[in-house]
Amino acid sequence: SRRNFLQKLAVAGAGISLSQTACANNTSPAIPFDWAAEPVRPLQNIRELVPDPVQIAKVEIIRHERKKNRYEYMTRIIAADGSTGYSMGNGRLPNTLTLLRRIVAPFFVGKDARDLATWHEDFYYDPKERVYKYLSMPLWNAYGNIEVAALDLLGKRAGKNVRDLLGK
């Protein structure tokens, strides 16, 4: 009935209001992140580890049939000297292929992989593509696949795994 619906709505509204008040007063059960205890570590000085430029020549998507009509996707970047870096795609990668091929991959071609730390802002504010208008999970999923492949490539060049390259 209408009366029951309105009563339930009032109770639900009160619950939402209380939870918003708890969050606003910082009394939520979530554990706050202590920035002083866990500083964000910048990428190690990659130019010391990899002194020569690592120019990205090509970005490829590799499709592998795992089972009949079931595929896995990987991102491969190829440097100008032929060295490669790989990233295993997640289940969303097939849905991001158009963005990856038309907007994301062309941004990376010709870039020095050692400048990875500056790519995010350069990509976001790219005046040619106006990427900020595409902000969504598919865009950053495509970006992240290439970024991880670049880290793999840099790690190979530095003789370290990606974990050690990131300073952990």
N, C-alpha and C. Protein backbone atom coordinates (compact mmCIF):
# COMPACT_ATOMS: atom_id res chain seq x y z
N SER A 1 0.84 -1.19 0.00
CA SER A 1 0.00 0.00 0.00
C SER A 1 0.87 1.23 0.00
N ARG A 2 0.23 2.33 -0.28
CA ARG A 2 0.95 3.60 -0.36
C ARG A 2 1.53 3.99 0.99
N ARG A 3 0.79 3.74 2.07
CA ARG A 3 1.26 4.10 3.42
C ARG A 3 2.52 3.31 3.77
N ASN A 4 2.53 2.00 3.47
CA ASN A 4 3.72 1.18 3.73
C ASN A 4 4.91 1.66 2.91
N PHE A 5 4.67 1.99 1.66
CA PHE A 5 5.73 2.50 0.79
C PHE A 5 6.34 3.77 1.37
N LEU A 6 5.50 4.71 1.81
CA LEU A 6 6.00 5.97 2.36
C LEU A 6 6.75 5.75 3.67
N GLN A 7 6.29 4.80 4.50
CA GLN A 7 7.00 4.51 5.75
C GLN A 7 8.39 3.93 5.45
N LYS A 8 8.45 3.00 4.50
CA LYS A 8 9.74 2.41 4.12
C LYS A 8 10.67 3.46 3.53
N LEU A 9 10.12 4.35 2.73
CA LEU A 9 10.90 5.42 2.14
C LEU A 9 11.47 6.34 3.21
N ALA A 10 10.66 6.66 4.24
CA ALA A 10 11.11 7.53 5.32
C ALA A 10 12.23 6.87 6.12
N VAL A 11 12.10 5.58 6.39
CA VAL A 11 13.13 4.85 7.12
C VAL A 11 14.42 4.79 6.31
N ALA A 12 14.29 4.49 5.02
CA ALA A 12 15.48 4.44 4.16
C ALA A 12 16.14 5.80 4.07
N GLY A 13 15.36 6.86 3.94
CA GLY A 13 15.91 8.22 3.88
C GLY A 13 16.64 8.59 5.15
N ALA A 14 16.09 8.18 6.30
CA ALA A 14 16.76 8.46 7.57
C ALA A 14 18.08 7.71 7.65
N GLY A 15 18.11 6.48 7.15
CA GLY A 15 19.35 5.70 7.16
C GLY A 15 20.41 6.33 6.29
N ILE A 16 20.02 6.80 5.12
CA ILE A 16 20.98 7.48 4.23
C ILE A 16 21.48 8.75 4.88
N SER A 17 20.59 9.50 5.50
CA SER A 17 20.98 10.75 6.15
C SER A 17 21.97 10.49 7.27
N LEU A 18 21.72 9.44 8.08
CA LEU A 18 22.63 9.12 9.17
C LEU A 18 23.99 8.68 8.64
N SER A 19 24.00 7.88 7.58
CA SER A 19 25.28 7.43 7.04
C SER A 19 26.07 8.59 6.45
N GLN A 20 25.38 9.55 5.82
CA GLN A 20 26.07 10.72 5.27
C GLN A 20 26.62 11.58 6.40
N THR A 21 25.88 11.70 7.49
CA THR A 21 26.35 12.47 8.63
C THR A 21 27.58 11.82 9.23
N ALA A 22 27.56 10.48 9.34
CA ALA A 22 28.70 9.77 9.90
C ALA A 22 29.94 9.99 9.04
N CYS A 23 29.78 9.95 7.72
CA CYS A 23 30.92 10.18 6.83
C CYS A 23 31.40 11.62 6.93
N ALA A 24 30.47 12.56 7.00
CA ALA A 24 30.84 13.96 7.07
C ALA A 24 31.58 14.27 8.37
N ASN A 25 31.21 13.58 9.46
CA ASN A 25 31.87 13.79 10.75
C ASN A 25 33.09 12.91 10.92
N ASN A 26 33.45 12.19 9.86
CA ASN A 26 34.60 11.29 9.86
C ASN A 26 34.50 10.23 10.95
N THR A 27 33.29 9.75 11.19
CA THR A 27 33.11 8.68 12.17
C THR A 27 32.80 7.37 11.49
N SER A 28 33.05 7.30 10.21
CA SER A 28 32.75 6.07 9.48
C SER A 28 33.74 5.01 9.90
N PRO A 29 33.37 3.74 9.78
CA PRO A 29 34.27 2.67 10.20
C PRO A 29 35.47 2.48 9.28
N ALA A 30 35.52 3.20 8.16
CA ALA A 30 36.65 3.06 7.24
C ALA A 30 37.93 3.55 7.91
N ILE A 31 39.02 2.88 7.61
CA ILE A 31 40.31 3.27 8.17
C ILE A 31 40.92 4.33 7.27
N PRO A 32 41.21 5.50 7.80
CA PRO A 32 41.78 6.55 6.94
C PRO A 32 43.21 6.19 6.53
N PHE A 33 43.58 6.64 5.36
CA PHE A 33 44.93 6.39 4.84
C PHE A 33 45.88 7.42 5.44
N ASP A 34 46.94 6.98 6.01
CA ASP A 34 47.92 7.86 6.63
C ASP A 34 49.02 8.16 5.61
N TRP A 35 48.93 9.33 4.98
CA TRP A 35 49.89 9.69 3.93
C TRP A 35 51.31 9.82 4.47
N ALA A 36 51.44 10.22 5.73
CA ALA A 36 52.78 10.38 6.29
C ALA A 36 53.44 9.02 6.50
N ALA A 37 52.65 8.02 6.90
CA ALA A 37 53.21 6.69 7.15
C ALA A 37 53.46 5.93 5.85
N GLU A 38 52.63 6.18 4.84
CA GLU A 38 52.75 5.47 3.56
C GLU A 38 52.93 6.49 2.43
N PRO A 39 54.11 7.07 2.30
CA PRO A 39 54.28 8.06 1.23
C PRO A 39 54.18 7.42 -0.15
N VAL A 40 53.70 8.17 -1.08
CA VAL A 40 53.63 7.69 -2.46
C VAL A 40 55.05 7.73 -3.01
N ARG A 41 55.51 6.58 -3.48
CA ARG A 41 56.87 6.50 -4.00
C ARG A 41 56.89 6.83 -5.48
N PRO A 42 57.73 7.76 -5.88
CA PRO A 42 57.85 8.02 -7.32
C PRO A 42 58.60 6.87 -7.98
N LEU A 43 58.43 6.74 -9.28
CA LEU A 43 59.18 5.74 -10.03
C LEU A 43 60.66 6.02 -9.81
N GLN A 44 61.42 4.98 -9.54
CA GLN A 44 62.86 5.17 -9.33
C GLN A 44 63.43 5.98 -10.49
N ASN A 45 64.55 6.58 -10.27
CA ASN A 45 65.16 7.36 -11.34
C ASN A 45 65.48 6.42 -12.49
N ILE A 46 64.52 6.31 -13.35
CA ILE A 46 64.59 5.34 -14.44
C ILE A 46 65.72 5.66 -15.41
N ARG A 47 66.09 6.92 -15.51
CA ARG A 47 67.16 7.30 -16.44
C ARG A 47 68.54 6.82 -15.97
N GLU A 48 68.66 6.55 -14.68
CA GLU A 48 69.91 5.95 -14.20
C GLU A 48 69.93 4.45 -14.52
N LEU A 49 68.78 3.82 -14.37
CA LEU A 49 68.68 2.38 -14.62
C LEU A 49 68.69 2.06 -16.12
N VAL A 50 68.08 2.94 -16.91
CA VAL A 50 67.99 2.75 -18.36
C VAL A 50 68.49 4.05 -19.00
N PRO A 51 69.80 4.16 -19.23
CA PRO A 51 70.34 5.43 -19.72
C PRO A 51 69.99 5.77 -21.17
N ASP A 52 69.76 4.75 -22.00
CA ASP A 52 69.46 5.00 -23.41
C ASP A 52 67.96 5.14 -23.64
N PRO A 53 67.56 6.00 -24.58
CA PRO A 53 66.13 6.16 -24.87
C PRO A 53 65.46 4.84 -25.28
N VAL A 54 64.21 4.70 -24.91
CA VAL A 54 63.41 3.52 -25.25
C VAL A 54 62.18 4.04 -25.99
N GLN A 55 62.36 4.32 -27.27
CA GLN A 55 61.28 4.89 -28.07
C GLN A 55 60.29 3.81 -28.48
N ILE A 56 59.02 4.05 -28.19
CA ILE A 56 57.97 3.10 -28.54
C ILE A 56 57.65 3.26 -30.02
N ALA A 57 57.79 2.16 -30.75
CA ALA A 57 57.55 2.19 -32.20
C ALA A 57 56.16 1.67 -32.55
N LYS A 58 55.63 0.76 -31.74
CA LYS A 58 54.38 0.11 -32.11
C LYS A 58 53.66 -0.40 -30.87
N VAL A 59 52.33 -0.36 -30.92
CA VAL A 59 51.48 -0.96 -29.89
C VAL A 59 50.59 -1.97 -30.58
N GLU A 60 50.59 -3.20 -30.05
CA GLU A 60 49.79 -4.27 -30.66
C GLU A 60 48.91 -4.94 -29.62
N ILE A 61 47.79 -5.45 -30.09
CA ILE A 61 46.92 -6.28 -29.27
C ILE A 61 47.02 -7.70 -29.82
N ILE A 62 47.32 -8.63 -28.96
CA ILE A 62 47.45 -10.03 -29.35
C ILE A 62 46.23 -10.77 -28.82
N ARG A 63 45.55 -11.48 -29.70
CA ARG A 63 44.39 -12.27 -29.31
C ARG A 63 44.75 -13.74 -29.41
N HIS A 64 44.54 -14.46 -28.34
CA HIS A 64 44.87 -15.88 -28.29
C HIS A 64 43.61 -16.65 -27.91
N GLU A 65 43.29 -17.67 -28.69
CA GLU A 65 42.12 -18.49 -28.38
C GLU A 65 42.49 -19.49 -27.30
N ARG A 66 41.90 -19.31 -26.13
CA ARG A 66 42.18 -20.19 -25.00
C ARG A 66 41.39 -21.48 -25.09
N LYS A 67 40.12 -21.34 -25.33
CA LYS A 67 39.22 -22.46 -25.57
C LYS A 67 38.39 -22.06 -26.78
N LYS A 68 37.62 -22.97 -27.28
CA LYS A 68 36.82 -22.66 -28.46
C LYS A 68 35.96 -21.42 -28.20
N ASN A 69 36.17 -20.39 -29.01
CA ASN A 69 35.45 -19.11 -28.93
C ASN A 69 35.66 -18.38 -27.61
N ARG A 70 36.73 -18.69 -26.90
CA ARG A 70 37.09 -17.97 -25.66
C ARG A 70 38.50 -17.43 -25.86
N TYR A 71 38.64 -16.13 -25.74
CA TYR A 71 39.92 -15.51 -26.08
C TYR A 71 40.54 -14.80 -24.87
N GLU A 72 41.84 -14.71 -24.91
CA GLU A 72 42.60 -13.89 -23.98
C GLU A 72 43.31 -12.83 -24.81
N TYR A 73 43.48 -11.67 -24.24
CA TYR A 73 44.11 -10.56 -24.95
C TYR A 73 45.33 -10.09 -24.18
N MET A 74 46.35 -9.71 -24.92
CA MET A 74 47.55 -9.12 -24.35
C MET A 74 47.89 -7.87 -25.13
N THR A 75 48.51 -6.93 -24.43
CA THR A 75 49.02 -5.73 -25.09
C THR A 75 50.53 -5.90 -25.19
N ARG A 76 51.07 -5.63 -26.37
CA ARG A 76 52.52 -5.70 -26.58
C ARG A 76 52.97 -4.36 -27.13
N ILE A 77 53.99 -3.81 -26.51
CA ILE A 77 54.61 -2.62 -27.10
C ILE A 77 55.98 -3.04 -27.61
N ILE A 78 56.34 -2.47 -28.73
CA ILE A 78 57.61 -2.79 -29.37
C ILE A 78 58.41 -1.49 -29.48
N ALA A 79 59.61 -1.53 -28.94
CA ALA A 79 60.49 -0.37 -29.00
C ALA A 79 61.16 -0.31 -30.37
N ALA A 80 61.76 0.82 -30.68
CA ALA A 80 62.41 1.01 -31.97
C ALA A 80 63.51 -0.02 -32.21
N ASP A 81 64.16 -0.49 -31.16
CA ASP A 81 65.22 -1.49 -31.31
C ASP A 81 64.70 -2.93 -31.34
N GLY A 82 63.37 -3.11 -31.25
CA GLY A 82 62.78 -4.43 -31.32
C GLY A 82 62.46 -5.08 -29.99
N SER A 83 62.92 -4.47 -28.89
CA SER A 83 62.61 -5.05 -27.58
C SER A 83 61.12 -4.87 -27.29
N THR A 84 60.58 -5.74 -26.43
CA THR A 84 59.14 -5.76 -26.21
C THR A 84 58.78 -5.73 -24.74
N GLY A 85 57.56 -5.26 -24.48
CA GLY A 85 56.97 -5.29 -23.16
C GLY A 85 55.54 -5.79 -23.31
N TYR A 86 55.06 -6.56 -22.33
CA TYR A 86 53.74 -7.17 -22.41
C TYR A 86 52.89 -6.82 -21.21
N SER A 87 51.59 -6.83 -21.44
CA SER A 87 50.62 -6.65 -20.38
C SER A 87 49.46 -7.60 -20.66
N MET A 88 49.08 -8.36 -19.65
CA MET A 88 47.94 -9.28 -19.81
C MET A 88 46.66 -8.47 -19.65
N GLY A 89 45.81 -8.50 -20.65
CA GLY A 89 44.55 -7.77 -20.59
C GLY A 89 43.56 -8.45 -19.68
N ASN A 90 42.68 -7.66 -19.09
CA ASN A 90 41.61 -8.25 -18.30
C ASN A 90 40.39 -8.46 -19.20
N GLY A 91 39.31 -8.88 -18.64
CA GLY A 91 38.12 -9.17 -19.42
C GLY A 91 37.50 -7.96 -20.10
N ARG A 92 37.90 -6.77 -19.69
CA ARG A 92 37.35 -5.55 -20.28
C ARG A 92 38.08 -5.13 -21.55
N LEU A 93 39.26 -5.63 -21.77
CA LEU A 93 40.07 -5.17 -22.90
C LEU A 93 39.36 -5.27 -24.24
N PRO A 94 38.64 -6.35 -24.54
CA PRO A 94 37.95 -6.39 -25.84
C PRO A 94 36.96 -5.24 -26.03
N ASN A 95 36.39 -4.76 -24.94
CA ASN A 95 35.42 -3.67 -25.02
C ASN A 95 36.08 -2.31 -25.20
N THR A 96 37.37 -2.24 -25.01
CA THR A 96 38.07 -0.96 -25.10
C THR A 96 38.91 -0.84 -26.38
N LEU A 97 38.83 -1.82 -27.26
CA LEU A 97 39.73 -1.86 -28.42
C LEU A 97 39.62 -0.64 -29.32
N THR A 98 38.43 -0.11 -29.53
CA THR A 98 38.29 1.06 -30.39
C THR A 98 39.01 2.26 -29.78
N LEU A 99 38.81 2.51 -28.50
CA LEU A 99 39.52 3.61 -27.84
C LEU A 99 41.03 3.36 -27.87
N LEU A 100 41.42 2.13 -27.62
CA LEU A 100 42.84 1.82 -27.59
C LEU A 100 43.49 2.06 -28.94
N ARG A 101 42.86 1.59 -30.00
CA ARG A 101 43.46 1.72 -31.34
C ARG A 101 43.43 3.15 -31.88
N ARG A 102 42.35 3.87 -31.62
CA ARG A 102 42.19 5.19 -32.24
C ARG A 102 42.72 6.35 -31.42
N ILE A 103 42.72 6.23 -30.10
CA ILE A 103 43.11 7.37 -29.27
C ILE A 103 44.33 7.07 -28.40
N VAL A 104 44.30 5.94 -27.69
CA VAL A 104 45.33 5.68 -26.69
C VAL A 104 46.65 5.27 -27.33
N ALA A 105 46.65 4.23 -28.16
CA ALA A 105 47.90 3.74 -28.75
C ALA A 105 48.64 4.81 -29.56
N PRO A 106 47.95 5.59 -30.42
CA PRO A 106 48.70 6.61 -31.17
C PRO A 106 49.41 7.63 -30.28
N PHE A 107 48.88 7.88 -29.09
CA PHE A 107 49.53 8.81 -28.18
C PHE A 107 50.90 8.29 -27.76
N PHE A 108 51.03 6.99 -27.56
CA PHE A 108 52.26 6.41 -27.03
C PHE A 108 53.34 6.20 -28.09
N VAL A 109 52.95 6.01 -29.33
CA VAL A 109 53.93 5.76 -30.38
C VAL A 109 54.83 6.98 -30.55
N GLY A 110 56.13 6.74 -30.52
CA GLY A 110 57.11 7.81 -30.64
C GLY A 110 57.58 8.36 -29.31
N LYS A 111 56.92 7.99 -28.22
CA LYS A 111 57.31 8.47 -26.89
C LYS A 111 58.44 7.62 -26.33
N ASP A 112 59.23 8.23 -25.46
CA ASP A 112 60.29 7.54 -24.74
C ASP A 112 59.65 6.89 -23.51
N ALA A 113 59.74 5.58 -23.39
CA ALA A 113 59.11 4.86 -22.28
C ALA A 113 59.66 5.31 -20.93
N ARG A 114 60.84 5.89 -20.90
CA ARG A 114 61.40 6.36 -19.63
C ARG A 114 60.64 7.55 -19.09
N ASP A 115 59.82 8.20 -19.91
CA ASP A 115 59.03 9.35 -19.47
C ASP A 115 57.65 8.94 -18.97
N LEU A 116 57.52 7.69 -18.60
CA LEU A 116 56.25 7.12 -18.16
C LEU A 116 55.56 7.97 -17.09
N ALA A 117 56.31 8.52 -16.16
CA ALA A 117 55.72 9.28 -15.06
C ALA A 117 55.01 10.55 -15.53
N THR A 118 55.37 11.06 -16.69
CA THR A 118 54.74 12.30 -17.18
C THR A 118 53.61 12.04 -18.17
N TRP A 119 53.45 10.80 -18.59
CA TRP A 119 52.46 10.49 -19.62
C TRP A 119 51.04 10.81 -19.21
N HIS A 120 50.68 10.52 -17.97
CA HIS A 120 49.29 10.65 -17.54
C HIS A 120 48.76 12.05 -17.80
N GLU A 121 49.47 13.06 -17.34
CA GLU A 121 49.00 14.43 -17.52
C GLU A 121 49.07 14.85 -18.99
N ASP A 122 50.13 14.47 -19.68
CA ASP A 122 50.23 14.80 -21.11
C ASP A 122 49.09 14.17 -21.90
N PHE A 123 48.75 12.94 -21.56
CA PHE A 123 47.66 12.24 -22.23
C PHE A 123 46.32 12.90 -21.94
N TYR A 124 46.10 13.19 -20.68
CA TYR A 124 44.81 13.77 -20.26
C TYR A 124 44.55 15.11 -20.94
N TYR A 125 45.58 15.92 -21.05
CA TYR A 125 45.41 17.26 -21.62
C TYR A 125 45.84 17.36 -23.09
N ASP A 126 45.96 16.24 -23.77
CA ASP A 126 46.38 16.24 -25.17
C ASP A 126 45.43 17.11 -25.99
N PRO A 127 45.91 18.23 -26.55
CA PRO A 127 45.01 19.13 -27.27
C PRO A 127 44.47 18.54 -28.57
N LYS A 128 45.19 17.58 -29.14
CA LYS A 128 44.74 16.99 -30.40
C LYS A 128 43.49 16.12 -30.19
N GLU A 129 43.51 15.29 -29.18
CA GLU A 129 42.42 14.33 -28.98
C GLU A 129 41.38 14.79 -27.95
N ARG A 130 41.73 15.77 -27.11
CA ARG A 130 40.84 16.21 -26.04
C ARG A 130 40.35 15.02 -25.23
N VAL A 131 41.27 14.27 -24.72
CA VAL A 131 40.99 13.02 -24.02
C VAL A 131 40.10 13.24 -22.80
N TYR A 132 40.20 14.39 -22.16
CA TYR A 132 39.41 14.63 -20.96
C TYR A 132 37.92 14.45 -21.22
N LYS A 133 37.49 14.51 -22.46
CA LYS A 133 36.07 14.32 -22.78
C LYS A 133 35.67 12.85 -22.80
N TYR A 134 36.65 11.95 -22.74
CA TYR A 134 36.38 10.52 -22.78
C TYR A 134 36.53 9.85 -21.42
N LEU A 135 36.65 10.61 -20.36
CA LEU A 135 36.93 10.02 -19.06
C LEU A 135 35.94 8.92 -18.71
N SER A 136 36.47 7.74 -18.57
CA SER A 136 35.65 6.59 -18.22
C SER A 136 36.56 5.40 -17.98
N MET A 137 35.99 4.34 -17.46
CA MET A 137 36.75 3.12 -17.22
C MET A 137 37.36 2.56 -18.51
N PRO A 138 36.64 2.53 -19.63
CA PRO A 138 37.27 1.96 -20.83
C PRO A 138 38.53 2.71 -21.26
N LEU A 139 38.52 4.03 -21.16
CA LEU A 139 39.70 4.81 -21.55
C LEU A 139 40.89 4.47 -20.67
N TRP A 140 40.70 4.49 -19.36
CA TRP A 140 41.82 4.26 -18.45
C TRP A 140 42.22 2.79 -18.42
N ASN A 141 41.31 1.89 -18.75
CA ASN A 141 41.66 0.49 -18.88
C ASN A 141 42.62 0.31 -20.05
N ALA A 142 42.32 0.93 -21.18
CA ALA A 142 43.21 0.87 -22.35
C ALA A 142 44.55 1.51 -22.04
N TYR A 143 44.53 2.67 -21.39
CA TYR A 143 45.76 3.38 -21.01
C TYR A 143 46.62 2.50 -20.09
N GLY A 144 45.96 1.91 -19.10
CA GLY A 144 46.69 1.09 -18.12
C GLY A 144 47.35 -0.13 -18.73
N ASN A 145 46.73 -0.72 -19.72
CA ASN A 145 47.35 -1.88 -20.38
C ASN A 145 48.65 -1.49 -21.05
N ILE A 146 48.68 -0.35 -21.70
CA ILE A 146 49.92 0.11 -22.35
C ILE A 146 50.94 0.52 -21.30
N GLU A 147 50.48 1.15 -20.24
CA GLU A 147 51.38 1.59 -19.17
C GLU A 147 52.08 0.38 -18.52
N VAL A 148 51.35 -0.68 -18.25
CA VAL A 148 51.95 -1.88 -17.66
C VAL A 148 52.93 -2.53 -18.64
N ALA A 149 52.59 -2.55 -19.91
CA ALA A 149 53.52 -3.08 -20.91
C ALA A 149 54.80 -2.25 -20.95
N ALA A 150 54.67 -0.93 -20.81
CA ALA A 150 55.86 -0.06 -20.78
C ALA A 150 56.71 -0.34 -19.55
N LEU A 151 56.07 -0.59 -18.42
CA LEU A 151 56.83 -0.95 -17.21
C LEU A 151 57.56 -2.27 -17.40
N ASP A 152 56.92 -3.22 -18.06
CA ASP A 152 57.56 -4.50 -18.35
C ASP A 152 58.79 -4.29 -19.24
N LEU A 153 58.64 -3.47 -20.27
CA LEU A 153 59.75 -3.16 -21.16
C LEU A 153 60.89 -2.49 -20.41
N LEU A 154 60.58 -1.52 -19.58
CA LEU A 154 61.61 -0.82 -18.81
C LEU A 154 62.29 -1.77 -17.82
N GLY A 155 61.50 -2.63 -17.20
CA GLY A 155 62.07 -3.60 -16.27
C GLY A 155 63.05 -4.53 -16.95
N LYS A 156 62.71 -4.98 -18.14
CA LYS A 156 63.62 -5.84 -18.90
C LYS A 156 64.91 -5.10 -19.21
N ARG A 157 64.78 -3.84 -19.61
CA ARG A 157 65.98 -3.05 -19.94
C ARG A 157 66.86 -2.81 -18.71
N ALA A 158 66.21 -2.63 -17.55
CA ALA A 158 66.95 -2.36 -16.32
C ALA A 158 67.44 -3.64 -15.64
N GLY A 159 66.97 -4.81 -16.13
CA GLY A 159 67.35 -6.07 -15.50
C GLY A 159 66.64 -6.30 -14.18
N LYS A 160 65.43 -5.73 -14.05
CA LYS A 160 64.65 -5.88 -12.82
C LYS A 160 63.23 -6.28 -13.17
N ASN A 161 62.55 -6.93 -12.22
CA ASN A 161 61.13 -7.16 -12.46
C ASN A 161 60.37 -5.88 -12.14
N VAL A 162 59.14 -5.81 -12.55
CA VAL A 162 58.37 -4.57 -12.38
C VAL A 162 58.23 -4.20 -10.91
N ARG A 163 58.08 -5.20 -10.06
CA ARG A 163 57.95 -4.94 -8.62
C ARG A 163 59.18 -4.19 -8.09
N ASP A 164 60.35 -4.66 -8.45
CA ASP A 164 61.58 -4.01 -8.00
C ASP A 164 61.76 -2.65 -8.68
N LEU A 165 61.35 -2.56 -9.91
CA LEU A 165 61.44 -1.29 -10.64
C LEU A 165 60.62 -0.20 -9.94
N LEU A 166 59.49 -0.59 -9.37
CA LEU A 166 58.63 0.36 -8.67
C LEU A 166 59.11 0.64 -7.25
N GLY A 167 60.17 -0.04 -6.80
CA GLY A 167 60.75 0.26 -5.52
C GLY A 167 60.20 -0.53 -4.37
N LYS A 168 59.58 -1.64 -4.63
CA LYS A 168 59.04 -2.47 -3.52
C LYS A 168 59.96 -3.62 -3.27
